[in-house]
Amino acid sequence: MTYYILMKDDSVDNIWDENILGEESFGTFYTGNGFKALNNIVTEQPELLETITIIDEKKKSYSVSEFLDLIGKWKIMS
């Protein structure tokens, strides 16, 4: 399953490589460029966390905390 990060003005229809948080496969999460962006937001601009939407390839939405709970169950490969 692939996960994407969307900022306030991003559209689900305009997802590209920079939006990819990563992909989960067999209990391992392989990070993408969007994961680096999320880490930067958490450490440098946490006030933006409320404006972030995370979706999966089936367009199911997750809050940031729901997503972090989800990936906390997996091995993370960056």
C-alpha atoms as a PDB file:
ATOM      1  CA  MET A   1       0.000   0.000   0.000  1.00  0.00           C
ATOM      2  CA  THR A   2       1.339   3.435  -0.927  1.00  0.00           C
ATOM      3  CA  TYR A   3       0.745   6.467   1.302  1.00  0.00           C
ATOM      4  CA  TYR A   4       0.743  10.125   0.271  1.00  0.00           C
ATOM      5  CA  ILE A   5       1.004  13.446   2.096  1.00  0.00           C
ATOM      6  CA  LEU A   6      -1.170  16.358   1.005  1.00  0.00           C
ATOM      7  CA  MET A   7      -0.782  19.914   2.176  1.00  0.00           C
ATOM      8  CA  LYS A   8      -3.675  22.359   2.497  1.00  0.00           C
ATOM      9  CA  ASP A   9      -3.816  23.364  -1.190  1.00  0.00           C
ATOM     10  CA  ASP A  10      -2.843  19.983  -2.687  1.00  0.00           C
ATOM     11  CA  SER A  11      -5.376  17.964  -4.634  1.00  0.00           C
ATOM     12  CA  VAL A  12      -5.774  14.193  -4.650  1.00  0.00           C
ATOM     13  CA  ASP A  13      -5.817  14.424  -8.440  1.00  0.00           C
ATOM     14  CA  ASN A  14      -2.365  16.060  -8.591  1.00  0.00           C
ATOM     15  CA  ILE A  15      -0.267  13.587  -6.600  1.00  0.00           C
ATOM     16  CA  TRP A  16       3.337  13.195  -7.755  1.00  0.00           C
ATOM     17  CA  ASP A  17       6.641  11.757  -6.446  1.00  0.00           C
ATOM     18  CA  GLU A  18       7.194  14.471  -3.832  1.00  0.00           C
ATOM     19  CA  ASN A  19       3.894  13.519  -2.180  1.00  0.00           C
ATOM     20  CA  ILE A  20       4.814   9.871  -1.612  1.00  0.00           C
ATOM     21  CA  LEU A  21       5.314   9.162   2.082  1.00  0.00           C
ATOM     22  CA  GLY A  22       6.258   5.606   1.273  1.00  0.00           C
ATOM     23  CA  GLU A  23       5.048   2.128   0.583  1.00  0.00           C
ATOM     24  CA  GLU A  24       4.290  -0.714   2.963  1.00  0.00           C
ATOM     25  CA  SER A  25       5.063  -4.248   1.915  1.00  0.00           C
ATOM     26  CA  PHE A  26       5.153  -7.322   4.161  1.00  0.00           C
ATOM     27  CA  GLY A  27       5.535  -5.317   7.365  1.00  0.00           C
ATOM     28  CA  THR A  28       8.239  -2.981   6.065  1.00  0.00           C
ATOM     29  CA  PHE A  29       7.671   0.685   5.230  1.00  0.00           C
ATOM     30  CA  TYR A  30       9.916   2.022   2.452  1.00  0.00           C
ATOM     31  CA  THR A  31      10.025   5.798   2.792  1.00  0.00           C
ATOM     32  CA  GLY A  32       9.694   8.332  -0.007  1.00  0.00           C
ATOM     33  CA  ASN A  33      10.337  12.055  -0.379  1.00  0.00           C
ATOM     34  CA  GLY A  34       7.099  12.931   1.399  1.00  0.00           C
ATOM     35  CA  PHE A  35       8.346  11.178   4.543  1.00  0.00           C
ATOM     36  CA  LYS A  36      11.342  13.522   4.669  1.00  0.00           C
ATOM     37  CA  ALA A  37       8.957  16.457   4.305  1.00  0.00           C
ATOM     38  CA  LEU A  38       6.771  15.132   7.140  1.00  0.00           C
ATOM     39  CA  ASN A  39       9.817  14.765   9.404  1.00  0.00           C
ATOM     40  CA  ASN A  40      10.849  18.349   8.622  1.00  0.00           C
ATOM     41  CA  ILE A  41       7.363  19.632   9.399  1.00  0.00           C
ATOM     42  CA  VAL A  42       7.261  17.746  12.713  1.00  0.00           C
ATOM     43  CA  THR A  43      10.614  19.153  13.835  1.00  0.00           C
ATOM     44  CA  GLU A  44      10.580  22.634  12.293  1.00  0.00           C
ATOM     45  CA  GLN A  45       6.966  23.712  11.698  1.00  0.00           C
ATOM     46  CA  PRO A  46       4.656  21.590  13.872  1.00  0.00           C
ATOM     47  CA  GLU A  47       1.886  24.167  13.527  1.00  0.00           C
ATOM     48  CA  LEU A  48       1.425  22.899   9.941  1.00  0.00           C
ATOM     49  CA  LEU A  49       0.496  19.409  11.124  1.00  0.00           C
ATOM     50  CA  GLU A  50      -3.154  20.427  11.387  1.00  0.00           C
ATOM     51  CA  THR A  51      -3.194  21.264   7.657  1.00  0.00           C
ATOM     52  CA  ILE A  52      -1.831  17.898   6.487  1.00  0.00           C
ATOM     53  CA  THR A  53      -3.930  15.113   5.041  1.00  0.00           C
ATOM     54  CA  ILE A  54      -2.520  11.640   4.554  1.00  0.00           C
ATOM     55  CA  ILE A  55      -4.170   9.254   2.114  1.00  0.00           C
ATOM     56  CA  ASP A  56      -3.453   5.791   0.858  1.00  0.00           C
ATOM     57  CA  GLU A  57      -3.671   4.522  -2.704  1.00  0.00           C
ATOM     58  CA  LYS A  58      -7.357   3.730  -2.134  1.00  0.00           C
ATOM     59  CA  LYS A  59      -7.929   7.380  -1.118  1.00  0.00           C
ATOM     60  CA  LYS A  60      -8.616   6.510   2.545  1.00  0.00           C
ATOM     61  CA  SER A  61      -7.685   9.481   4.765  1.00  0.00           C
ATOM     62  CA  TYR A  62      -5.587   9.341   7.938  1.00  0.00           C
ATOM     63  CA  SER A  63      -4.687  11.982  10.481  1.00  0.00           C
ATOM     64  CA  VAL A  64      -0.989  12.396  11.173  1.00  0.00           C
ATOM     65  CA  SER A  65      -1.347  10.593  14.507  1.00  0.00           C
ATOM     66  CA  GLU A  66      -3.279   7.717  12.900  1.00  0.00           C
ATOM     67  CA  PHE A  67      -0.568   7.375  10.263  1.00  0.00           C
ATOM     68  CA  LEU A  68       2.217   7.405  12.859  1.00  0.00           C
ATOM     69  CA  ASP A  69       0.375   4.731  14.862  1.00  0.00           C
ATOM     70  CA  LEU A  70       0.083   2.657  11.692  1.00  0.00           C
ATOM     71  CA  ILE A  71       3.743   2.843  10.663  1.00  0.00           C
ATOM     72  CA  GLY A  72       4.815   2.265  14.247  1.00  0.00           C
ATOM     73  CA  LYS A  73       3.894  -1.372  13.668  1.00  0.00           C
ATOM     74  CA  TRP A  74       6.289  -1.719  10.715  1.00  0.00           C
ATOM     75  CA  LYS A  75      10.033  -1.770  10.159  1.00  0.00           C
ATOM     76  CA  ILE A  76      11.010   1.531   8.488  1.00  0.00           C
ATOM     77  CA  MET A  77      13.540   1.521   5.645  1.00  0.00           C
ATOM     78  CA  SER A  78      14.803   4.871   4.405  1.00  0.00           C
END
